[in-house]
PDB file of N, CA and C in Angstrom:
ATOM      1  N   GLY A   1    -154.224  41.314  42.268  1.00  0.00           N
ATOM      2  CA  GLY A   1    -154.415  42.221  41.158  1.00  0.00           C
ATOM      3  C   GLY A   1    -155.538  41.760  40.242  1.00  0.00           C
ATOM      4  N   TRP A   2    -155.877  42.619  39.312  1.00  0.00           N
ATOM      5  CA  TRP A   2    -156.955  42.349  38.364  1.00  0.00           C
ATOM      6  C   TRP A   2    -156.409  41.564  37.190  1.00  0.00           C
ATOM      7  N   CYS A   3    -157.054  40.453  36.846  1.00  0.00           N
ATOM      8  CA  CYS A   3    -156.634  39.642  35.713  1.00  0.00           C
ATOM      9  C   CYS A   3    -157.830  39.360  34.814  1.00  0.00           C
ATOM     10  N   PRO A   4    -157.733  39.709  33.526  1.00  0.00           N
ATOM     11  CA  PRO A   4    -158.823  39.360  32.614  1.00  0.00           C
ATOM     12  C   PRO A   4    -158.808  37.872  32.318  1.00  0.00           C
ATOM     13  N   LEU A   5    -159.862  37.387  31.708  1.00  0.00           N
ATOM     14  CA  LEU A   5    -159.884  35.999  31.278  1.00  0.00           C
ATOM     15  C   LEU A   5    -158.823  35.800  30.208  1.00  0.00           C
ATOM     16  N   SER A   6    -158.221  34.624  30.208  1.00  0.00           N
ATOM     17  CA  SER A   6    -157.201  34.320  29.212  1.00  0.00           C
ATOM     18  C   SER A   6    -157.859  33.578  28.057  1.00  0.00           C
ATOM     19  N   PRO A   7    -158.064  34.243  26.909  1.00  0.00           N
ATOM     20  CA  PRO A   7    -158.766  33.578  25.809  1.00  0.00           C
ATOM     21  C   PRO A   7    -157.957  32.433  25.217  1.00  0.00           C
ATOM     22  N   THR A   8    -158.640  31.443  24.714  1.00  0.00           N
ATOM     23  CA  THR A   8    -157.976  30.308  24.090  1.00  0.00           C
ATOM     24  C   THR A   8    -158.097  30.432  22.577  1.00  0.00           C
ATOM     25  N   GLY A   9    -157.297  29.671  21.873  1.00  0.00           N
ATOM     26  CA  GLY A   9    -157.379  29.647  20.428  1.00  0.00           C
ATOM     27  C   GLY A   9    -156.617  30.753  19.736  1.00  0.00           C
ATOM     28  N   ALA A  10    -155.811  31.510  20.463  1.00  0.00           N
ATOM     29  CA  ALA A  10    -155.033  32.571  19.833  1.00  0.00           C
ATOM     30  C   ALA A  10    -153.984  31.967  18.909  1.00  0.00           C
ATOM     31  N   GLN A  11    -153.652  32.708  17.846  1.00  0.00           N
ATOM     32  CA  GLN A  11    -152.668  32.226  16.870  1.00  0.00           C
ATOM     33  C   GLN A  11    -151.243  32.569  17.268  1.00  0.00           C
ATOM     34  N   THR A  12    -151.078  33.640  18.055  1.00  0.00           N
ATOM     35  CA  THR A  12    -149.756  34.048  18.534  1.00  0.00           C
ATOM     36  C   THR A  12    -149.864  34.384  20.009  1.00  0.00           C
ATOM     37  N   THR A  13    -148.733  34.399  20.686  1.00  0.00           N
ATOM     38  CA  THR A  13    -148.711  34.784  22.088  1.00  0.00           C
ATOM     39  C   THR A  13    -148.589  36.300  22.170  1.00  0.00           C
ATOM     40  N   GLN A  14    -149.438  36.915  22.976  1.00  0.00           N
ATOM     41  CA  GLN A  14    -149.431  38.367  23.143  1.00  0.00           C
ATOM     42  C   GLN A  14    -149.401  38.726  24.618  1.00  0.00           C
ATOM     43  N   LEU A  15    -148.829  39.890  24.906  1.00  0.00           N
ATOM     44  CA  LEU A  15    -148.864  40.435  26.261  1.00  0.00           C
ATOM     45  C   LEU A  15    -149.857  41.585  26.302  1.00  0.00           C
ATOM     46  N   LEU A  16    -150.830  41.488  27.178  1.00  0.00           N
ATOM     47  CA  LEU A  16    -151.798  42.553  27.399  1.00  0.00           C
ATOM     48  C   LEU A  16    -151.314  43.357  28.599  1.00  0.00           C
ATOM     49  N   VAL A  17    -151.285  44.678  28.452  1.00  0.00           N
ATOM     50  CA  VAL A  17    -150.799  45.565  29.509  1.00  0.00           C
ATOM     51  C   VAL A  17    -151.951  46.430  29.999  1.00  0.00           C
ATOM     52  N   GLU A  18    -152.149  46.449  31.299  1.00  0.00           N
ATOM     53  CA  GLU A  18    -153.197  47.253  31.916  1.00  0.00           C
ATOM     54  C   GLU A  18    -152.571  48.082  33.034  1.00  0.00           C
ATOM     55  N   PRO A  19    -152.722  49.408  33.086  1.00  0.00           N
ATOM     56  CA  PRO A  19    -153.500  50.244  32.185  1.00  0.00           C
ATOM     57  C   PRO A  19    -152.855  50.364  30.804  1.00  0.00           C
ATOM     58  N   PRO A  20    -153.668  50.675  29.783  1.00  0.00           N
ATOM     59  CA  PRO A  20    -153.200  50.600  28.390  1.00  0.00           C
ATOM     60  C   PRO A  20    -152.496  51.868  27.902  1.00  0.00           C
ATOM     61  N   TRP A  21    -151.419  52.274  28.574  1.00  0.00           N
ATOM     62  CA  TRP A  21    -150.648  53.454  28.176  1.00  0.00           C
ATOM     63  C   TRP A  21    -149.211  53.054  27.943  1.00  0.00           C
ATOM     64  N   ARG A  22    -148.567  53.699  26.951  1.00  0.00           N
ATOM     65  CA  ARG A  22    -147.157  53.422  26.644  1.00  0.00           C
ATOM     66  C   ARG A  22    -146.380  54.720  26.710  1.00  0.00           C
ATOM     67  N   PRO A  23    -145.176  54.712  27.245  1.00  0.00           N
ATOM     68  CA  PRO A  23    -144.581  53.547  27.881  1.00  0.00           C
ATOM     69  C   PRO A  23    -145.243  53.247  29.225  1.00  0.00           C
ATOM     70  N   ALA A  24    -145.212  51.985  29.601  1.00  0.00           N
ATOM     71  CA  ALA A  24    -145.761  51.571  30.891  1.00  0.00           C
ATOM     72  C   ALA A  24    -144.769  51.941  31.991  1.00  0.00           C
ATOM     73  N   VAL A  25    -145.290  52.399  33.121  1.00  0.00           N
ATOM     74  CA  VAL A  25    -144.431  52.790  34.241  1.00  0.00           C
ATOM     75  C   VAL A  25    -144.797  52.005  35.495  1.00  0.00           C
ATOM     76  N   LEU A  26    -143.776  51.665  36.257  1.00  0.00           N
ATOM     77  CA  LEU A  26    -143.922  50.807  37.430  1.00  0.00           C
ATOM     78  C   LEU A  26    -144.943  51.352  38.423  1.00  0.00           C
ATOM     79  N   TRP A  27    -144.945  52.666  38.641  1.00  0.00           N
ATOM     80  CA  TRP A  27    -145.823  53.235  39.661  1.00  0.00           C
ATOM     81  C   TRP A  27    -147.293  53.262  39.258  1.00  0.00           C
ATOM     82  N   ASP A  28    -147.624  52.769  38.065  1.00  0.00           N
ATOM     83  CA  ASP A  28    -149.020  52.625  37.634  1.00  0.00           C
ATOM     84  C   ASP A  28    -149.630  51.293  38.072  1.00  0.00           C
ATOM     85  N   ARG A  29    -148.870  50.487  38.810  1.00  0.00           N
ATOM     86  CA  ARG A  29    -149.336  49.141  39.195  1.00  0.00           C
ATOM     87  C   ARG A  29    -149.776  48.357  37.953  1.00  0.00           C
ATOM     88  N   VAL A  30    -148.841  48.138  37.065  1.00  0.00           N
ATOM     89  CA  VAL A  30    -149.090  47.496  35.777  1.00  0.00           C
ATOM     90  C   VAL A  30    -149.367  46.007  35.954  1.00  0.00           C
ATOM     91  N   THR A  31    -150.394  45.523  35.277  1.00  0.00           N
ATOM     92  CA  THR A  31    -150.702  44.101  35.226  1.00  0.00           C
ATOM     93  C   THR A  31    -150.368  43.584  33.832  1.00  0.00           C
ATOM     94  N   LEU A  32    -149.596  42.505  33.766  1.00  0.00           N
ATOM     95  CA  LEU A  32    -149.283  41.844  32.507  1.00  0.00           C
ATOM     96  C   LEU A  32    -150.091  40.562  32.412  1.00  0.00           C
ATOM     97  N   THR A  33    -150.721  40.341  31.263  1.00  0.00           N
ATOM     98  CA  THR A  33    -151.491  39.125  31.013  1.00  0.00           C
ATOM     99  C   THR A  33    -150.955  38.468  29.758  1.00  0.00           C
ATOM    100  N   CYS A  34    -150.591  37.196  29.863  1.00  0.00           N
ATOM    101  CA  CYS A  34    -150.081  36.440  28.734  1.00  0.00           C
ATOM    102  C   CYS A  34    -151.242  35.715  28.069  1.00  0.00           C
ATOM    103  N   GLN A  35    -151.471  36.028  26.787  1.00  0.00           N
ATOM    104  CA  GLN A  35    -152.571  35.415  26.057  1.00  0.00           C
ATOM    105  C   GLN A  35    -152.011  34.547  24.939  1.00  0.00           C
ATOM    106  N   GLY A  36    -152.476  33.311  24.877  1.00  0.00           N
ATOM    107  CA  GLY A  36    -152.023  32.389  23.842  1.00  0.00           C
ATOM    108  C   GLY A  36    -152.704  31.052  24.011  1.00  0.00           C
ATOM    109  N   SER A  37    -152.293  30.091  23.207  1.00  0.00           N
ATOM    110  CA  SER A  37    -152.917  28.767  23.293  1.00  0.00           C
ATOM    111  C   SER A  37    -152.271  27.957  24.414  1.00  0.00           C
ATOM    112  N   GLY A  38    -152.830  26.795  24.650  1.00  0.00           N
ATOM    113  CA  GLY A  38    -152.273  25.918  25.676  1.00  0.00           C
ATOM    114  C   GLY A  38    -152.819  26.249  27.054  1.00  0.00           C
ATOM    115  N   THR A  39    -152.273  25.584  28.050  1.00  0.00           N
ATOM    116  CA  THR A  39    -152.718  25.742  29.426  1.00  0.00           C
ATOM    117  C   THR A  39    -152.164  27.024  30.019  1.00  0.00           C
ATOM    118  N   ALA A  40    -153.037  27.832  30.648  1.00  0.00           N
ATOM    119  CA  ALA A  40    -152.593  29.097  31.243  1.00  0.00           C
ATOM    120  C   ALA A  40    -151.506  28.872  32.282  1.00  0.00           C
ATOM    121  N   GLY A  41    -151.582  27.743  33.017  1.00  0.00           N
ATOM    122  CA  GLY A  41    -150.598  27.445  34.047  1.00  0.00           C
ATOM    123  C   GLY A  41    -149.249  27.013  33.499  1.00  0.00           C
ATOM    124  N   ALA A  42    -149.154  26.850  32.179  1.00  0.00           N
ATOM    125  CA  ALA A  42    -147.880  26.463  31.562  1.00  0.00           C
ATOM    126  C   ALA A  42    -147.116  27.682  31.046  1.00  0.00           C
ATOM    127  N   THR A  43    -147.479  28.866  31.519  1.00  0.00           N
ATOM    128  CA  THR A  43    -146.843  30.102  31.072  1.00  0.00           C
ATOM    129  C   THR A  43    -145.431  30.217  31.634  1.00  0.00           C
ATOM    130  N   THR A  44    -144.477  30.530  30.777  1.00  0.00           N
ATOM    131  CA  THR A  44    -143.109  30.824  31.206  1.00  0.00           C
ATOM    132  C   THR A  44    -142.853  32.301  30.956  1.00  0.00           C
ATOM    133  N   TRP A  45    -142.325  32.990  31.971  1.00  0.00           N
ATOM    134  CA  TRP A  45    -142.043  34.420  31.891  1.00  0.00           C
ATOM    135  C   TRP A  45    -140.547  34.653  31.768  1.00  0.00           C
ATOM    136  N   TYR A  46    -140.188  35.665  30.995  1.00  0.00           N
ATOM    137  CA  TYR A  46    -138.804  36.091  30.831  1.00  0.00           C
ATOM    138  C   TYR A  46    -138.700  37.553  31.244  1.00  0.00           C
ATOM    139  N   LYS A  47    -137.625  37.867  31.950  1.00  0.00           N
ATOM    140  CA  LYS A  47    -137.363  39.248  32.360  1.00  0.00           C
ATOM    141  C   LYS A  47    -135.946  39.594  31.952  1.00  0.00           C
ATOM    142  N   ASP A  48    -135.800  40.678  31.197  1.00  0.00           N
ATOM    143  CA  ASP A  48    -134.488  41.141  30.733  1.00  0.00           C
ATOM    144  C   ASP A  48    -133.706  40.029  30.026  1.00  0.00           C
ATOM    145  N   GLY A  49    -134.423  39.220  29.218  1.00  0.00           N
ATOM    146  CA  GLY A  49    -133.789  38.193  28.397  1.00  0.00           C
ATOM    147  C   GLY A  49    -133.489  36.885  29.098  1.00  0.00           C
ATOM    148  N   GLN A  50    -133.801  36.773  30.383  1.00  0.00           N
ATOM    149  CA  GLN A  50    -133.523  35.545  31.144  1.00  0.00           C
ATOM    150  C   GLN A  50    -134.830  34.895  31.586  1.00  0.00           C
ATOM    151  N   ARG A  51    -134.849  33.549  31.577  1.00  0.00           N
ATOM    152  CA  ARG A  51    -136.035  32.872  32.099  1.00  0.00           C
ATOM    153  C   ARG A  51    -136.170  33.246  33.569  1.00  0.00           C
ATOM    154  N   TRP A  52    -137.365  33.668  33.958  1.00  0.00           N
ATOM    155  CA  TRP A  52    -137.570  34.298  35.254  1.00  0.00           C
ATOM    156  C   TRP A  52    -138.607  33.564  36.109  1.00  0.00           C
ATOM    157  N   TRP A  53    -139.618  32.959  35.442  1.00  0.00           N
ATOM    158  CA  TRP A  53    -140.707  32.331  36.200  1.00  0.00           C
ATOM    159  C   TRP A  53    -141.298  31.226  35.338  1.00  0.00           C
ATOM    160  N   GLN A  54    -140.949  29.983  35.675  1.00  0.00           N
ATOM    161  CA  GLN A  54    -141.443  28.852  34.896  1.00  0.00           C
ATOM    162  C   GLN A  54    -142.712  28.317  35.542  1.00  0.00           C
ATOM    163  N   LYS A  55    -143.666  27.928  34.703  1.00  0.00           N
ATOM    164  CA  LYS A  55    -144.989  27.476  35.156  1.00  0.00           C
ATOM    165  C   LYS A  55    -145.626  28.527  36.057  1.00  0.00           C
ATOM    166  N   GLY A  56    -145.467  29.781  35.647  1.00  0.00           N
ATOM    167  CA  GLY A  56    -146.056  30.885  36.392  1.00  0.00           C
ATOM    168  C   GLY A  56    -147.503  31.097  36.020  1.00  0.00           C
ATOM    169  N   PRO A  57    -148.150  32.062  36.661  1.00  0.00           N
ATOM    170  CA  PRO A  57    -149.539  32.384  36.322  1.00  0.00           C
ATOM    171  C   PRO A  57    -149.594  33.086  34.971  1.00  0.00           C
ATOM    172  N   TYR A  58    -150.762  33.127  34.367  1.00  0.00           N
ATOM    173  CA  TYR A  58    -150.893  33.810  33.083  1.00  0.00           C
ATOM    174  C   TYR A  58    -150.955  35.320  33.275  1.00  0.00           C
ATOM    175  N   CYS A  59    -151.087  35.775  34.526  1.00  0.00           N
ATOM    176  CA  CYS A  59    -151.284  37.188  34.806  1.00  0.00           C
ATOM    177  C   CYS A  59    -150.655  37.542  36.153  1.00  0.00           C
ATOM    178  N   PHE A  60    -150.012  38.714  36.233  1.00  0.00           N
ATOM    179  CA  PHE A  60    -149.472  39.170  37.516  1.00  0.00           C
ATOM    180  C   PHE A  60    -149.267  40.685  37.488  1.00  0.00           C
ATOM    181  N   THR A  61    -149.127  41.276  38.683  1.00  0.00           N
ATOM    182  CA  THR A  61    -148.838  42.701  38.811  1.00  0.00           C
ATOM    183  C   THR A  61    -147.330  42.874  38.921  1.00  0.00           C
ATOM    184  N   VAL A  62    -146.779  43.729  38.080  1.00  0.00           N
ATOM    185  CA  VAL A  62    -145.333  43.932  38.002  1.00  0.00           C
ATOM    186  C   VAL A  62    -144.841  44.691  39.231  1.00  0.00           C
ATOM    187  N   THR A  63    -143.746  44.222  39.825  1.00  0.00           N
ATOM    188  CA  THR A  63    -143.159  44.892  40.989  1.00  0.00           C
ATOM    189  C   THR A  63    -141.735  45.382  40.733  1.00  0.00           C
ATOM    190  N   GLU A  64    -141.169  45.041  39.566  1.00  0.00           N
ATOM    191  CA  GLU A  64    -139.816  45.480  39.220  1.00  0.00           C
ATOM    192  C   GLU A  64    -139.813  45.971  37.780  1.00  0.00           C
ATOM    193  N   SER A  65    -139.081  47.056  37.525  1.00  0.00           N
ATOM    194  CA  SER A  65    -138.952  47.528  36.150  1.00  0.00           C
ATOM    195  C   SER A  65    -138.124  46.514  35.361  1.00  0.00           C
ATOM    196  N   GLY A  66    -138.274  46.521  34.059  1.00  0.00           N
ATOM    197  CA  GLY A  66    -137.539  45.606  33.202  1.00  0.00           C
ATOM    198  C   GLY A  66    -138.299  45.355  31.916  1.00  0.00           C
ATOM    199  N   THR A  67    -137.742  44.457  31.102  1.00  0.00           N
ATOM    200  CA  THR A  67    -138.360  44.069  29.841  1.00  0.00           C
ATOM    201  C   THR A  67    -138.895  42.655  29.985  1.00  0.00           C
ATOM    202  N   TYR A  68    -140.189  42.482  29.758  1.00  0.00           N
ATOM    203  CA  TYR A  68    -140.872  41.215  30.000  1.00  0.00           C
ATOM    204  C   TYR A  68    -141.364  40.586  28.697  1.00  0.00           C
ATOM    205  N   MET A  69    -141.305  39.252  28.659  1.00  0.00           N
ATOM    206  CA  MET A  69    -141.910  38.452  27.590  1.00  0.00           C
ATOM    207  C   MET A  69    -142.507  37.217  28.250  1.00  0.00           C
ATOM    208  N   CYS A  70    -143.445  36.587  27.551  1.00  0.00           N
ATOM    209  CA  CYS A  70    -143.979  35.324  28.052  1.00  0.00           C
ATOM    210  C   CYS A  70    -144.003  34.308  26.924  1.00  0.00           C
ATOM    211  N   ASP A  71    -144.056  33.051  27.304  1.00  0.00           N
ATOM    212  CA  ASP A  71    -144.064  31.950  26.348  1.00  0.00           C
ATOM    213  C   ASP A  71    -145.212  31.020  26.701  1.00  0.00           C
ATOM    214  N   ARG A  72    -145.982  30.656  25.670  1.00  0.00           N
ATOM    215  CA  ARG A  72    -147.058  29.689  25.860  1.00  0.00           C
ATOM    216  C   ARG A  72    -146.865  28.544  24.884  1.00  0.00           C
ATOM    217  N   PRO A  73    -147.038  27.294  25.341  1.00  0.00           N
ATOM    218  CA  PRO A  73    -146.891  26.150  24.444  1.00  0.00           C
ATOM    219  C   PRO A  73    -147.850  26.276  23.261  1.00  0.00           C
ATOM    220  N   GLY A  74    -147.345  26.088  22.075  1.00  0.00           N
ATOM    221  CA  GLY A  74    -148.188  26.126  20.888  1.00  0.00           C
ATOM    222  C   GLY A  74    -148.142  27.437  20.136  1.00  0.00           C
ATOM    223  N   THR A  75    -147.982  28.562  20.852  1.00  0.00           N
ATOM    224  CA  THR A  75    -147.934  29.859  20.160  1.00  0.00           C
ATOM    225  C   THR A  75    -146.614  30.594  20.381  1.00  0.00           C
ATOM    226  N   GLY A  76    -145.768  30.087  21.259  1.00  0.00           N
ATOM    227  CA  GLY A  76    -144.415  30.624  21.378  1.00  0.00           C
ATOM    228  C   GLY A  76    -144.276  31.891  22.202  1.00  0.00           C
ATOM    229  N   LEU A  77    -143.204  32.616  21.901  1.00  0.00           N
ATOM    230  CA  LEU A  77    -142.790  33.780  22.671  1.00  0.00           C
ATOM    231  C   LEU A  77    -143.545  35.042  22.236  1.00  0.00           C
ATOM    232  N   SER A  78    -143.924  35.841  23.207  1.00  0.00           N
ATOM    233  CA  SER A  78    -144.622  37.101  22.934  1.00  0.00           C
ATOM    234  C   SER A  78    -143.630  38.194  22.541  1.00  0.00           C
ATOM    235  N   PRO A  79    -144.134  39.289  21.977  1.00  0.00           N
ATOM    236  CA  PRO A  79    -143.290  40.480  21.846  1.00  0.00           C
ATOM    237  C   PRO A  79    -142.905  40.984  23.246  1.00  0.00           C
ATOM    238  N   ALA A  80    -141.817  41.740  23.324  1.00  0.00           N
ATOM    239  CA  ALA A  80    -141.335  42.266  24.609  1.00  0.00           C
ATOM    240  C   ALA A  80    -142.084  43.539  24.993  1.00  0.00           C
ATOM    241  N   ILE A  81    -142.287  43.707  26.296  1.00  0.00           N
ATOM    242  CA  ILE A  81    -142.883  44.920  26.851  1.00  0.00           C
ATOM    243  C   ILE A  81    -141.931  45.445  27.919  1.00  0.00           C
ATOM    244  N   SER A  82    -141.588  46.729  27.822  1.00  0.00           N
ATOM    245  CA  SER A  82    -140.721  47.355  28.832  1.00  0.00           C
ATOM    246  C   SER A  82    -141.569  48.104  29.853  1.00  0.00           C
ATOM    247  N   ILE A  83    -141.241  47.887  31.121  1.00  0.00           N
ATOM    248  CA  ILE A  83    -141.870  48.608  32.223  1.00  0.00           C
ATOM    249  C   ILE A  83    -140.786  49.516  32.810  1.00  0.00           C
ATOM    250  N   LEU A  84    -141.014  50.817  32.735  1.00  0.00           N
ATOM    251  CA  LEU A  84    -140.015  51.785  33.169  1.00  0.00           C
ATOM    252  C   LEU A  84    -140.234  52.199  34.617  1.00  0.00           C
ATOM    253  N   ASN A  85    -139.177  52.716  35.228  1.00  0.00           N
ATOM    254  CA  ASN A  85    -139.281  53.288  36.569  1.00  0.00           C
ATOM    255  C   ASN A  85    -138.794  54.735  36.507  1.00  0.00           C
ATOM    256  N   GLU A  86    -139.444  55.516  35.635  1.00  0.00           N
ATOM    257  CA  GLU A  86    -139.074  56.918  35.428  1.00  0.00           C
ATOM    258  C   GLU A  86    -139.960  57.817  36.286  1.00  0.00           C
ATOM    259  N   ARG A  87    -139.418  58.947  36.708  1.00  0.00           N
ATOM    260  CA  ARG A  87    -140.191  59.877  37.525  1.00  0.00           C
ATOM    261  C   ARG A  87    -141.139  60.734  36.687  1.00  0.00           C
ATOM    262  N   LEU A  88    -140.778  60.959  35.432  1.00  0.00           N
ATOM    263  CA  LEU A  88    -141.597  61.767  34.535  1.00  0.00           C
ATOM    264  C   LEU A  88    -141.688  61.053  33.191  1.00  0.00           C
ATOM    265  N   VAL A  89    -142.904  60.934  32.649  1.00  0.00           N
ATOM    266  CA  VAL A  89    -143.071  60.181  31.403  1.00  0.00           C
ATOM    267  C   VAL A  89    -144.159  60.817  30.538  1.00  0.00           C
ATOM    268  N   LEU A  90    -143.919  60.833  29.229  1.00  0.00           N
ATOM    269  CA  LEU A  90    -144.912  61.270  28.256  1.00  0.00           C
ATOM    270  C   LEU A  90    -145.528  60.010  27.656  1.00  0.00           C
ATOM    271  N   GLN A  91    -146.827  59.828  27.859  1.00  0.00           N
ATOM    272  CA  GLN A  91    -147.488  58.593  27.454  1.00  0.00           C
ATOM    273  C   GLN A  91    -148.530  58.849  26.367  1.00  0.00           C
ATOM    274  N   LEU A  92    -148.794  57.805  25.577  1.00  0.00           N
ATOM    275  CA  LEU A  92    -149.926  57.805  24.673  1.00  0.00           C
ATOM    276  C   LEU A  92    -150.663  56.491  24.830  1.00  0.00           C
ATOM    277  N   GLU A  93    -151.937  56.501  24.454  1.00  0.00           N
ATOM    278  CA  GLU A  93    -152.769  55.313  24.594  1.00  0.00           C
ATOM    279  C   GLU A  93    -152.243  54.196  23.704  1.00  0.00           C
ATOM    280  N   ALA A  94    -152.183  52.996  24.264  1.00  0.00           N
ATOM    281  CA  ALA A  94    -151.650  51.842  23.542  1.00  0.00           C
ATOM    282  C   ALA A  94    -152.718  51.282  22.611  1.00  0.00           C
ATOM    283  N   ARG A  95    -152.667  51.695  21.357  1.00  0.00           N
ATOM    284  CA  ARG A  95    -153.568  51.165  20.337  1.00  0.00           C
ATOM    285  C   ARG A  95    -152.891  51.336  18.986  1.00  0.00           C
ATOM    286  N   VAL A  96    -153.425  50.671  18.002  1.00  0.00           N
ATOM    287  CA  VAL A  96    -152.878  50.789  16.652  1.00  0.00           C
ATOM    288  C   VAL A  96    -153.237  52.172  16.114  1.00  0.00           C
ATOM    289  N   LEU A  97    -152.224  52.894  15.640  1.00  0.00           N
ATOM    290  CA  LEU A  97    -152.447  54.239  15.123  1.00  0.00           C
ATOM    291  C   LEU A  97    -152.314  54.261  13.608  1.00  0.00           C
ATOM    292  N   MET A  98    -153.188  55.014  12.976  1.00  0.00           N
ATOM    293  CA  MET A  98    -153.139  55.208  11.530  1.00  0.00           C
ATOM    294  C   MET A  98    -152.881  56.685  11.265  1.00  0.00           C
ATOM    295  N   GLU A  99    -152.292  56.968  10.117  1.00  0.00           N
ATOM    296  CA  GLU A  99    -152.047  58.355   9.745  1.00  0.00           C
ATOM    297  C   GLU A  99    -153.359  59.133   9.747  1.00  0.00           C
ATOM    298  N   GLY A 100    -153.318  60.293  10.394  1.00  0.00           N
ATOM    299  CA  GLY A 100    -154.516  61.127  10.484  1.00  0.00           C
ATOM    300  C   GLY A 100    -155.297  60.943  11.770  1.00  0.00           C
ATOM    301  N   ASP A 101    -154.993  59.900  12.553  1.00  0.00           N
ATOM    302  CA  ASP A 101    -155.680  59.677  13.818  1.00  0.00           C
ATOM    303  C   ASP A 101    -155.373  60.813  14.802  1.00  0.00           C
ATOM    304  N   THR A 102    -156.330  61.122  15.644  1.00  0.00           N
ATOM    305  CA  THR A 102    -156.108  62.045  16.760  1.00  0.00           C
ATOM    306  C   THR A 102    -155.619  61.226  17.938  1.00  0.00           C
ATOM    307  N   VAL A 103    -154.540  61.685  18.546  1.00  0.00           N
ATOM    308  CA  VAL A 103    -154.006  60.957  19.702  1.00  0.00           C
ATOM    309  C   VAL A 103    -154.015  61.857  20.926  1.00  0.00           C
ATOM    310  N   THR A 104    -154.134  61.217  22.080  1.00  0.00           N
ATOM    311  CA  THR A 104    -154.049  61.922  23.344  1.00  0.00           C
ATOM    312  C   THR A 104    -152.720  61.594  23.989  1.00  0.00           C
ATOM    313  N   LEU A 105    -151.960  62.640  24.303  1.00  0.00           N
ATOM    314  CA  LEU A 105    -150.701  62.482  25.033  1.00  0.00           C
ATOM    315  C   LEU A 105    -150.929  62.935  26.455  1.00  0.00           C
ATOM    316  N   ARG A 106    -150.249  62.299  27.390  1.00  0.00           N
ATOM    317  CA  ARG A 106    -150.332  62.796  28.762  1.00  0.00           C
ATOM    318  C   ARG A 106    -148.945  62.779  29.382  1.00  0.00           C
ATOM    319  N   CYS A 107    -148.647  63.863  30.071  1.00  0.00           N
ATOM    320  CA  CYS A 107    -147.372  64.010  30.757  1.00  0.00           C
ATOM    321  C   CYS A 107    -147.639  63.737  32.229  1.00  0.00           C
ATOM    322  N   ARG A 108    -146.940  62.751  32.780  1.00  0.00           N
ATOM    323  CA  ARG A 108    -147.231  62.327  34.149  1.00  0.00           C
ATOM    324  C   ARG A 108    -145.954  62.219  34.959  1.00  0.00           C
ATOM    325  N   GLY A 109    -146.067  62.502  36.218  1.00  0.00           N
ATOM    326  CA  GLY A 109    -144.922  62.392  37.107  1.00  0.00           C
ATOM    327  C   GLY A 109    -145.358  62.169  38.525  1.00  0.00           C
TER     328      GLY A 109
END
């Protein structure tokens, strides 16, 4: 799968989701990238609240629906991201929205 570079020096651990639509759906071949400080190879992944992959890669393509988080030494646990396995979904672009912004919605199935 496609993995962006993992930047160093981040203040918090974040999960980058590609493609950048919410909610994320399994059939989109979603890639999760854990960004934070420390060694990329020291990434710990959690799935549905349980430790799932210790010393895993900083990036992987999701093959199972669920709620994912990652942990990086120095910046801690990321916010959770849910990957759904729904047949029909209404999505919007994953970005910070302000009042008055124009948004694009897409209905996909």
